[in-house]
């Protein structure tokens, strides 16, 4: 038991060091660098609010547009940032994996924890600021908010791990994945809800797991969101299935990952 505790402490210190290294590499030494993690989603939210307001469009939920887009853009960014950042993690940390205590999974977990924690904190800050400036941001069901955030993190982690594994064998995979992934931004519910769609479009988009997670998260903020179109079992199944496949792919390619460059 003592050996297990010691091993866990060592791995914990390794992952913590990797998180610090990733944070330094992504945001730099200046504190201003960390502000970009907050500025990027705010800029996206403001642009969409401006466009929709200029067109005279209302929020499909009946609430404030800023709140509506916050609950769409942040979960999308969680998925997109994790899936893309994990893809390049093994190549960027190749030298570190020459040390026996640093495994490919540690490297991936370091980036995963940094991205997920950063965006959840940013989400909390934006929601708090919206509340302070007078926007109505009631959390109708905190449980739904929390569960949907964890599920989209698990789903994105699985996709990211699979991407990282494929890149070991096919270095140009990033460009192909980006091309395939880009249209999902417009098909995952950032701009609309399930109930606002025509039945034929909704029938197909309901099979998009990211759309399910965004709809699930919004049901925690807006009592007007219909939960009839949330496939709870499907959403949970997709998240854990992708995480399992991602972990399995990392395990099977662990030796190749240490020296694929």
C-alpha atoms as a PDB file:
ATOM      1  CA  UNK A   1       0.000   0.000   0.000  1.00  0.00           C
ATOM      2  CA  UNK A   2       2.848   2.354   0.833  1.00  0.00           C
ATOM      3  CA  UNK A   3       4.443   1.629  -2.563  1.00  0.00           C
ATOM      4  CA  UNK A   4       1.164   2.488  -4.275  1.00  0.00           C
ATOM      5  CA  UNK A   5       0.876   5.778  -2.397  1.00  0.00           C
ATOM      6  CA  UNK A   6       4.461   6.627  -3.303  1.00  0.00           C
ATOM      7  CA  UNK A   7       3.842   5.820  -6.974  1.00  0.00           C
ATOM      8  CA  UNK A   8       0.712   8.000  -6.979  1.00  0.00           C
ATOM      9  CA  UNK A   9       2.623  10.876  -5.372  1.00  0.00           C
ATOM     10  CA  UNK A  10       5.346  10.616  -8.022  1.00  0.00           C
ATOM     11  CA  UNK A  11       2.804  10.578 -10.867  1.00  0.00           C
ATOM     12  CA  UNK A  12       0.950  13.462  -9.271  1.00  0.00           C
ATOM     13  CA  UNK A  13       4.122  15.545  -9.168  1.00  0.00           C
ATOM     14  CA  UNK A  14       4.882  14.608 -12.795  1.00  0.00           C
ATOM     15  CA  UNK A  15       1.444  15.687 -13.992  1.00  0.00           C
ATOM     16  CA  UNK A  16       1.606  18.899 -11.940  1.00  0.00           C
ATOM     17  CA  UNK A  17       4.985  19.737 -13.483  1.00  0.00           C
ATOM     18  CA  UNK A  18       3.581  19.023 -16.955  1.00  0.00           C
ATOM     19  CA  UNK A  19       0.620  21.337 -16.313  1.00  0.00           C
ATOM     20  CA  UNK A  20       2.979  24.142 -15.269  1.00  0.00           C
ATOM     21  CA  UNK A  21       5.117  23.533 -18.358  1.00  0.00           C
ATOM     22  CA  UNK A  22       2.052  23.569 -20.634  1.00  0.00           C
ATOM     23  CA  UNK A  23       0.743  26.755 -19.023  1.00  0.00           C
ATOM     24  CA  UNK A  24       4.107  28.470 -19.497  1.00  0.00           C
ATOM     25  CA  UNK A  25       4.334  27.308 -23.093  1.00  0.00           C
ATOM     26  CA  UNK A  26       0.799  28.382 -23.983  1.00  0.00           C
ATOM     27  CA  UNK A  27       0.434  31.633 -22.038  1.00  0.00           C
ATOM     28  CA  UNK A  28       4.054  32.725 -21.537  1.00  0.00           C
ATOM     29  CA  UNK A  29       5.620  34.249 -18.436  1.00  0.00           C
ATOM     30  CA  UNK A  30       3.516  37.413 -18.539  1.00  0.00           C
ATOM     31  CA  UNK A  31       0.236  37.504 -16.634  1.00  0.00           C
ATOM     32  CA  UNK A  32      -1.281  39.201 -19.667  1.00  0.00           C
ATOM     33  CA  UNK A  33      -0.892  35.930 -21.522  1.00  0.00           C
ATOM     34  CA  UNK A  34      -3.408  34.277 -19.207  1.00  0.00           C
ATOM     35  CA  UNK A  35      -5.959  36.965 -20.044  1.00  0.00           C
ATOM     36  CA  UNK A  36      -6.180  35.575 -23.565  1.00  0.00           C
ATOM     37  CA  UNK A  37      -7.984  32.551 -22.147  1.00  0.00           C
ATOM     38  CA  UNK A  38     -10.696  34.963 -20.981  1.00  0.00           C
ATOM     39  CA  UNK A  39     -10.595  37.420 -23.881  1.00  0.00           C
ATOM     40  CA  UNK A  40     -11.036  34.842 -26.675  1.00  0.00           C
ATOM     41  CA  UNK A  41     -14.492  33.520 -25.644  1.00  0.00           C
ATOM     42  CA  UNK A  42     -15.662  37.020 -24.661  1.00  0.00           C
ATOM     43  CA  UNK A  43     -14.773  38.350 -28.126  1.00  0.00           C
ATOM     44  CA  UNK A  44     -16.661  35.493 -29.765  1.00  0.00           C
ATOM     45  CA  UNK A  45     -19.698  36.079 -27.561  1.00  0.00           C
ATOM     46  CA  UNK A  46     -19.711  39.844 -28.225  1.00  0.00           C
ATOM     47  CA  UNK A  47     -19.401  39.346 -31.998  1.00  0.00           C
ATOM     48  CA  UNK A  48     -22.334  36.937 -32.088  1.00  0.00           C
ATOM     49  CA  UNK A  49     -24.453  39.163 -29.830  1.00  0.00           C
ATOM     50  CA  UNK A  50     -23.712  42.139 -32.111  1.00  0.00           C
ATOM     51  CA  UNK A  51     -24.584  40.222 -35.283  1.00  0.00           C
ATOM     52  CA  UNK A  52     -27.810  38.737 -33.918  1.00  0.00           C
ATOM     53  CA  UNK A  53     -28.864  42.071 -32.389  1.00  0.00           C
ATOM     54  CA  UNK A  54     -28.182  43.892 -35.659  1.00  0.00           C
ATOM     55  CA  UNK A  55     -30.344  41.353 -37.485  1.00  0.00           C
ATOM     56  CA  UNK A  56     -33.106  41.735 -34.910  1.00  0.00           C
ATOM     57  CA  UNK A  57     -32.815  38.128 -33.811  1.00  0.00           C
ATOM     58  CA  UNK A  58     -33.929  37.025 -30.357  1.00  0.00           C
ATOM     59  CA  UNK A  59     -32.551  34.265 -28.164  1.00  0.00           C
ATOM     60  CA  UNK A  60     -34.353  30.938 -28.880  1.00  0.00           C
ATOM     61  CA  UNK A  61     -34.599  30.425 -25.125  1.00  0.00           C
ATOM     62  CA  UNK A  62     -36.277  33.770 -24.530  1.00  0.00           C
ATOM     63  CA  UNK A  63     -33.427  34.955 -22.307  1.00  0.00           C
ATOM     64  CA  UNK A  64     -30.516  37.288 -22.919  1.00  0.00           C
ATOM     65  CA  UNK A  65     -28.420  36.715 -26.044  1.00  0.00           C
ATOM     66  CA  UNK A  66     -25.146  37.029 -24.131  1.00  0.00           C
ATOM     67  CA  UNK A  67     -26.190  34.244 -21.764  1.00  0.00           C
ATOM     68  CA  UNK A  68     -27.438  32.109 -24.649  1.00  0.00           C
ATOM     69  CA  UNK A  69     -24.152  32.361 -26.561  1.00  0.00           C
ATOM     70  CA  UNK A  70     -22.061  31.894 -23.417  1.00  0.00           C
ATOM     71  CA  UNK A  71     -23.766  28.540 -22.828  1.00  0.00           C
ATOM     72  CA  UNK A  72     -23.018  27.540 -26.422  1.00  0.00           C
ATOM     73  CA  UNK A  73     -19.530  28.878 -27.092  1.00  0.00           C
ATOM     74  CA  UNK A  74     -17.863  27.714 -23.856  1.00  0.00           C
ATOM     75  CA  UNK A  75     -18.848  24.018 -24.193  1.00  0.00           C
ATOM     76  CA  UNK A  76     -17.862  24.164 -27.870  1.00  0.00           C
ATOM     77  CA  UNK A  77     -14.461  25.602 -26.925  1.00  0.00           C
ATOM     78  CA  UNK A  78     -14.012  22.901 -24.278  1.00  0.00           C
ATOM     79  CA  UNK A  79     -14.516  20.255 -26.936  1.00  0.00           C
ATOM     80  CA  UNK A  80     -12.507  21.986 -29.662  1.00  0.00           C
ATOM     81  CA  UNK A  81      -9.551  23.092 -27.519  1.00  0.00           C
ATOM     82  CA  UNK A  82      -9.120  19.725 -25.807  1.00  0.00           C
ATOM     83  CA  UNK A  83      -9.503  17.693 -29.013  1.00  0.00           C
ATOM     84  CA  UNK A  84      -7.000  19.868 -30.889  1.00  0.00           C
ATOM     85  CA  UNK A  85      -4.493  20.492 -28.086  1.00  0.00           C
ATOM     86  CA  UNK A  86      -4.204  16.837 -27.128  1.00  0.00           C
ATOM     87  CA  UNK A  87      -3.496  15.973 -30.748  1.00  0.00           C
ATOM     88  CA  UNK A  88      -0.071  17.639 -30.677  1.00  0.00           C
ATOM     89  CA  UNK A  89       0.834  16.836 -27.081  1.00  0.00           C
ATOM     90  CA  UNK A  90       2.995  13.781 -27.718  1.00  0.00           C
ATOM     91  CA  UNK A  91       5.143  15.407 -30.392  1.00  0.00           C
ATOM     92  CA  UNK A  92       5.656  18.574 -28.333  1.00  0.00           C
ATOM     93  CA  UNK A  93       6.773  16.588 -25.294  1.00  0.00           C
ATOM     94  CA  UNK A  94       8.829  13.910 -27.028  1.00  0.00           C
ATOM     95  CA  UNK A  95      12.022  14.744 -25.110  1.00  0.00           C
ATOM     96  CA  UNK A  96      10.278  14.491 -21.726  1.00  0.00           C
ATOM     97  CA  UNK A  97       9.026  10.992 -22.484  1.00  0.00           C
ATOM     98  CA  UNK A  98      12.614   9.759 -22.521  1.00  0.00           C
ATOM     99  CA  UNK A  99      12.350   9.850 -18.709  1.00  0.00           C
ATOM    100  CA  UNK A 100      10.799   6.621 -17.393  1.00  0.00           C
ATOM    101  CA  UNK A 101       8.449   8.420 -14.981  1.00  0.00           C
ATOM    102  CA  UNK A 102       6.863  10.458 -17.783  1.00  0.00           C
ATOM    103  CA  UNK A 103       4.372   8.411 -19.796  1.00  0.00           C
ATOM    104  CA  UNK A 104       2.352   9.397 -22.891  1.00  0.00           C
ATOM    105  CA  UNK A 105      -0.787   9.361 -20.729  1.00  0.00           C
ATOM    106  CA  UNK A 106       0.819  11.817 -18.267  1.00  0.00           C
ATOM    107  CA  UNK A 107       1.588  14.204 -21.120  1.00  0.00           C
ATOM    108  CA  UNK A 108      -1.998  14.011 -22.388  1.00  0.00           C
ATOM    109  CA  UNK A 109      -3.474  14.418 -18.908  1.00  0.00           C
ATOM    110  CA  UNK A 110      -1.349  17.511 -18.336  1.00  0.00           C
ATOM    111  CA  UNK A 111      -2.816  19.263 -21.365  1.00  0.00           C
ATOM    112  CA  UNK A 112      -6.308  17.952 -20.673  1.00  0.00           C
ATOM    113  CA  UNK A 113      -6.369  19.262 -17.104  1.00  0.00           C
ATOM    114  CA  UNK A 114      -4.964  22.652 -18.119  1.00  0.00           C
ATOM    115  CA  UNK A 115      -7.479  23.181 -20.929  1.00  0.00           C
ATOM    116  CA  UNK A 116     -10.493  21.900 -18.999  1.00  0.00           C
ATOM    117  CA  UNK A 117      -9.698  23.800 -15.798  1.00  0.00           C
ATOM    118  CA  UNK A 118      -8.960  27.028 -17.653  1.00  0.00           C
ATOM    119  CA  UNK A 119     -12.214  26.992 -19.610  1.00  0.00           C
ATOM    120  CA  UNK A 120     -14.358  26.023 -16.615  1.00  0.00           C
ATOM    121  CA  UNK A 121     -12.844  28.920 -14.651  1.00  0.00           C
ATOM    122  CA  UNK A 122     -13.426  31.235 -17.622  1.00  0.00           C
ATOM    123  CA  UNK A 123     -17.027  29.999 -17.812  1.00  0.00           C
ATOM    124  CA  UNK A 124     -17.542  30.777 -14.132  1.00  0.00           C
ATOM    125  CA  UNK A 125     -15.997  34.247 -14.501  1.00  0.00           C
ATOM    126  CA  UNK A 126     -18.159  35.151 -17.510  1.00  0.00           C
ATOM    127  CA  UNK A 127     -21.364  33.919 -15.837  1.00  0.00           C
ATOM    128  CA  UNK A 128     -20.490  35.894 -12.672  1.00  0.00           C
ATOM    129  CA  UNK A 129     -19.719  39.067 -14.644  1.00  0.00           C
ATOM    130  CA  UNK A 130     -22.985  38.769 -16.582  1.00  0.00           C
ATOM    131  CA  UNK A 131     -24.840  38.473 -13.277  1.00  0.00           C
ATOM    132  CA  UNK A 132     -23.019  41.480 -11.800  1.00  0.00           C
ATOM    133  CA  UNK A 133     -23.797  43.744 -14.785  1.00  0.00           C
ATOM    134  CA  UNK A 134     -27.472  42.961 -14.512  1.00  0.00           C
ATOM    135  CA  UNK A 135     -27.984  40.107 -16.954  1.00  0.00           C
ATOM    136  CA  UNK A 136     -30.341  37.427 -15.744  1.00  0.00           C
ATOM    137  CA  UNK A 137     -28.233  34.276 -15.351  1.00  0.00           C
ATOM    138  CA  UNK A 138     -30.252  31.948 -13.151  1.00  0.00           C
ATOM    139  CA  UNK A 139     -28.875  28.433 -12.855  1.00  0.00           C
ATOM    140  CA  UNK A 140     -32.078  26.480 -13.132  1.00  0.00           C
ATOM    141  CA  UNK A 141     -30.453  23.082 -12.473  1.00  0.00           C
ATOM    142  CA  UNK A 142     -26.802  23.053 -11.349  1.00  0.00           C
ATOM    143  CA  UNK A 143     -26.662  19.258 -11.624  1.00  0.00           C
ATOM    144  CA  UNK A 144     -27.356  19.383 -15.368  1.00  0.00           C
ATOM    145  CA  UNK A 145     -24.698  22.063 -15.834  1.00  0.00           C
ATOM    146  CA  UNK A 146     -22.090  20.053 -13.943  1.00  0.00           C
ATOM    147  CA  UNK A 147     -22.853  16.700 -15.586  1.00  0.00           C
ATOM    148  CA  UNK A 148     -22.907  18.126 -19.111  1.00  0.00           C
ATOM    149  CA  UNK A 149     -19.541  19.838 -18.564  1.00  0.00           C
ATOM    150  CA  UNK A 150     -17.924  16.623 -17.358  1.00  0.00           C
ATOM    151  CA  UNK A 151     -19.418  14.632 -20.230  1.00  0.00           C
ATOM    152  CA  UNK A 152     -18.150  17.006 -22.898  1.00  0.00           C
ATOM    153  CA  UNK A 153     -14.695  16.948 -21.251  1.00  0.00           C
ATOM    154  CA  UNK A 154     -14.699  13.123 -21.313  1.00  0.00           C
ATOM    155  CA  UNK A 155     -15.880  13.075 -24.929  1.00  0.00           C
ATOM    156  CA  UNK A 156     -13.292  15.650 -26.019  1.00  0.00           C
ATOM    157  CA  UNK A 157     -10.537  13.826 -24.103  1.00  0.00           C
ATOM    158  CA  UNK A 158     -11.359  10.626 -25.970  1.00  0.00           C
ATOM    159  CA  UNK A 159     -11.296  12.401 -29.345  1.00  0.00           C
ATOM    160  CA  UNK A 160      -8.039  14.159 -28.416  1.00  0.00           C
ATOM    161  CA  UNK A 161      -6.340  10.924 -27.360  1.00  0.00           C
ATOM    162  CA  UNK A 162      -7.416   9.225 -30.577  1.00  0.00           C
ATOM    163  CA  UNK A 163      -6.078  12.210 -32.547  1.00  0.00           C
ATOM    164  CA  UNK A 164      -2.767  12.017 -30.676  1.00  0.00           C
ATOM    165  CA  UNK A 165      -2.479   8.315 -31.447  1.00  0.00           C
ATOM    166  CA  UNK A 166      -3.307   8.719 -35.142  1.00  0.00           C
ATOM    167  CA  UNK A 167      -0.679  11.485 -35.421  1.00  0.00           C
ATOM    168  CA  UNK A 168       1.983   9.008 -34.389  1.00  0.00           C
ATOM    169  CA  UNK A 169       1.361   7.155 -37.656  1.00  0.00           C
ATOM    170  CA  UNK A 170      -0.017   9.967 -39.835  1.00  0.00           C
ATOM    171  CA  UNK A 171       1.574  13.351 -39.130  1.00  0.00           C
ATOM    172  CA  UNK A 172      -0.820  15.307 -41.377  1.00  0.00           C
ATOM    173  CA  UNK A 173      -3.851  14.100 -39.435  1.00  0.00           C
ATOM    174  CA  UNK A 174      -4.272  17.516 -37.706  1.00  0.00           C
ATOM    175  CA  UNK A 175      -5.103  19.263 -40.969  1.00  0.00           C
ATOM    176  CA  UNK A 176      -7.563  16.581 -42.005  1.00  0.00           C
ATOM    177  CA  UNK A 177      -9.265  16.577 -38.600  1.00  0.00           C
ATOM    178  CA  UNK A 178      -9.549  20.383 -38.609  1.00  0.00           C
ATOM    179  CA  UNK A 179     -11.185  20.328 -42.029  1.00  0.00           C
ATOM    180  CA  UNK A 180     -13.714  17.702 -40.935  1.00  0.00           C
ATOM    181  CA  UNK A 181     -14.269  19.256 -37.505  1.00  0.00           C
ATOM    182  CA  UNK A 182     -14.770  22.881 -38.596  1.00  0.00           C
ATOM    183  CA  UNK A 183     -18.379  22.488 -39.881  1.00  0.00           C
ATOM    184  CA  UNK A 184     -19.408  21.078 -36.493  1.00  0.00           C
ATOM    185  CA  UNK A 185     -19.189  24.607 -35.067  1.00  0.00           C
ATOM    186  CA  UNK A 186     -22.294  25.434 -37.108  1.00  0.00           C
ATOM    187  CA  UNK A 187     -24.038  22.106 -36.414  1.00  0.00           C
ATOM    188  CA  UNK A 188     -23.624  21.748 -32.657  1.00  0.00           C
ATOM    189  CA  UNK A 189     -26.207  24.139 -31.262  1.00  0.00           C
ATOM    190  CA  UNK A 190     -24.077  27.221 -30.630  1.00  0.00           C
ATOM    191  CA  UNK A 191     -26.623  29.326 -32.548  1.00  0.00           C
ATOM    192  CA  UNK A 192     -29.850  27.393 -32.000  1.00  0.00           C
ATOM    193  CA  UNK A 193     -31.741  24.941 -29.796  1.00  0.00           C
ATOM    194  CA  UNK A 194     -33.310  21.631 -30.738  1.00  0.00           C
ATOM    195  CA  UNK A 195     -36.861  22.949 -30.367  1.00  0.00           C
ATOM    196  CA  UNK A 196     -36.153  25.850 -32.762  1.00  0.00           C
ATOM    197  CA  UNK A 197     -35.213  23.502 -35.610  1.00  0.00           C
ATOM    198  CA  UNK A 198     -37.463  21.964 -38.269  1.00  0.00           C
ATOM    199  CA  UNK A 199     -38.202  18.306 -37.442  1.00  0.00           C
ATOM    200  CA  UNK A 200     -36.152  16.947 -40.362  1.00  0.00           C
ATOM    201  CA  UNK A 201     -33.032  18.909 -39.368  1.00  0.00           C
ATOM    202  CA  UNK A 202     -33.497  18.070 -35.698  1.00  0.00           C
ATOM    203  CA  UNK A 203     -33.776  14.352 -36.476  1.00  0.00           C
ATOM    204  CA  UNK A 204     -30.234  14.340 -37.870  1.00  0.00           C
ATOM    205  CA  UNK A 205     -28.582  16.826 -35.504  1.00  0.00           C
ATOM    206  CA  UNK A 206     -29.790  14.935 -32.434  1.00  0.00           C
ATOM    207  CA  UNK A 207     -27.127  12.321 -33.246  1.00  0.00           C
ATOM    208  CA  UNK A 208     -24.355  14.894 -32.821  1.00  0.00           C
ATOM    209  CA  UNK A 209     -23.016  14.291 -29.260  1.00  0.00           C
ATOM    210  CA  UNK A 210     -21.711  17.869 -28.949  1.00  0.00           C
ATOM    211  CA  UNK A 211     -25.187  19.171 -29.762  1.00  0.00           C
ATOM    212  CA  UNK A 212     -26.545  16.914 -27.016  1.00  0.00           C
ATOM    213  CA  UNK A 213     -24.063  18.241 -24.431  1.00  0.00           C
ATOM    214  CA  UNK A 214     -24.765  21.879 -25.290  1.00  0.00           C
ATOM    215  CA  UNK A 215     -28.519  21.257 -25.127  1.00  0.00           C
ATOM    216  CA  UNK A 216     -28.056  19.450 -21.812  1.00  0.00           C
ATOM    217  CA  UNK A 217     -25.992  22.305 -20.371  1.00  0.00           C
ATOM    218  CA  UNK A 218     -28.533  24.901 -21.485  1.00  0.00           C
ATOM    219  CA  UNK A 219     -31.308  22.940 -19.809  1.00  0.00           C
ATOM    220  CA  UNK A 220     -29.500  23.760 -16.571  1.00  0.00           C
ATOM    221  CA  UNK A 221     -29.685  27.506 -17.299  1.00  0.00           C
ATOM    222  CA  UNK A 222     -33.043  27.911 -19.033  1.00  0.00           C
ATOM    223  CA  UNK A 223     -36.285  26.388 -17.806  1.00  0.00           C
ATOM    224  CA  UNK A 224     -37.676  27.096 -21.292  1.00  0.00           C
ATOM    225  CA  UNK A 225     -35.367  24.489 -22.880  1.00  0.00           C
ATOM    226  CA  UNK A 226     -37.317  21.378 -23.825  1.00  0.00           C
ATOM    227  CA  UNK A 227     -35.555  18.253 -22.560  1.00  0.00           C
ATOM    228  CA  UNK A 228     -37.595  16.033 -24.887  1.00  0.00           C
ATOM    229  CA  UNK A 229     -34.826  16.105 -27.469  1.00  0.00           C
ATOM    230  CA  UNK A 230     -31.924  15.275 -25.123  1.00  0.00           C
ATOM    231  CA  UNK A 231     -30.897  11.640 -25.537  1.00  0.00           C
ATOM    232  CA  UNK A 232     -29.391  11.200 -22.081  1.00  0.00           C
ATOM    233  CA  UNK A 233     -28.299   7.572 -22.463  1.00  0.00           C
ATOM    234  CA  UNK A 234     -26.815   8.267 -25.880  1.00  0.00           C
ATOM    235  CA  UNK A 235     -24.908  11.337 -24.640  1.00  0.00           C
ATOM    236  CA  UNK A 236     -23.465   9.495 -21.641  1.00  0.00           C
ATOM    237  CA  UNK A 237     -22.644   6.445 -23.759  1.00  0.00           C
ATOM    238  CA  UNK A 238     -20.793   8.520 -26.371  1.00  0.00           C
ATOM    239  CA  UNK A 239     -18.693  10.270 -23.728  1.00  0.00           C
ATOM    240  CA  UNK A 240     -17.552   7.106 -21.968  1.00  0.00           C
ATOM    241  CA  UNK A 241     -17.156   5.119 -25.182  1.00  0.00           C
ATOM    242  CA  UNK A 242     -14.878   7.753 -26.739  1.00  0.00           C
ATOM    243  CA  UNK A 243     -12.893   8.077 -23.504  1.00  0.00           C
ATOM    244  CA  UNK A 244     -12.439   4.298 -23.383  1.00  0.00           C
ATOM    245  CA  UNK A 245     -11.328   4.123 -27.030  1.00  0.00           C
ATOM    246  CA  UNK A 246      -8.985   7.066 -26.449  1.00  0.00           C
ATOM    247  CA  UNK A 247      -7.364   5.467 -23.388  1.00  0.00           C
ATOM    248  CA  UNK A 248      -7.104   2.124 -25.169  1.00  0.00           C
ATOM    249  CA  UNK A 249      -5.424   3.714 -28.195  1.00  0.00           C
ATOM    250  CA  UNK A 250      -2.900   5.501 -25.954  1.00  0.00           C
ATOM    251  CA  UNK A 251      -2.149   2.275 -24.114  1.00  0.00           C
ATOM    252  CA  UNK A 252      -1.651   0.236 -27.293  1.00  0.00           C
ATOM    253  CA  UNK A 253       0.625   2.860 -28.866  1.00  0.00           C
ATOM    254  CA  UNK A 254       2.556   3.776 -25.693  1.00  0.00           C
ATOM    255  CA  UNK A 255       5.871   2.318 -26.899  1.00  0.00           C
ATOM    256  CA  UNK A 256       5.615   3.848 -30.369  1.00  0.00           C
ATOM    257  CA  UNK A 257       4.688   7.216 -28.819  1.00  0.00           C
ATOM    258  CA  UNK A 258       8.061   7.521 -27.071  1.00  0.00           C
ATOM    259  CA  UNK A 259      10.058   7.519 -30.291  1.00  0.00           C
ATOM    260  CA  UNK A 260       7.817   8.262 -33.259  1.00  0.00           C
ATOM    261  CA  UNK A 261       9.749  11.360 -34.406  1.00  0.00           C
END
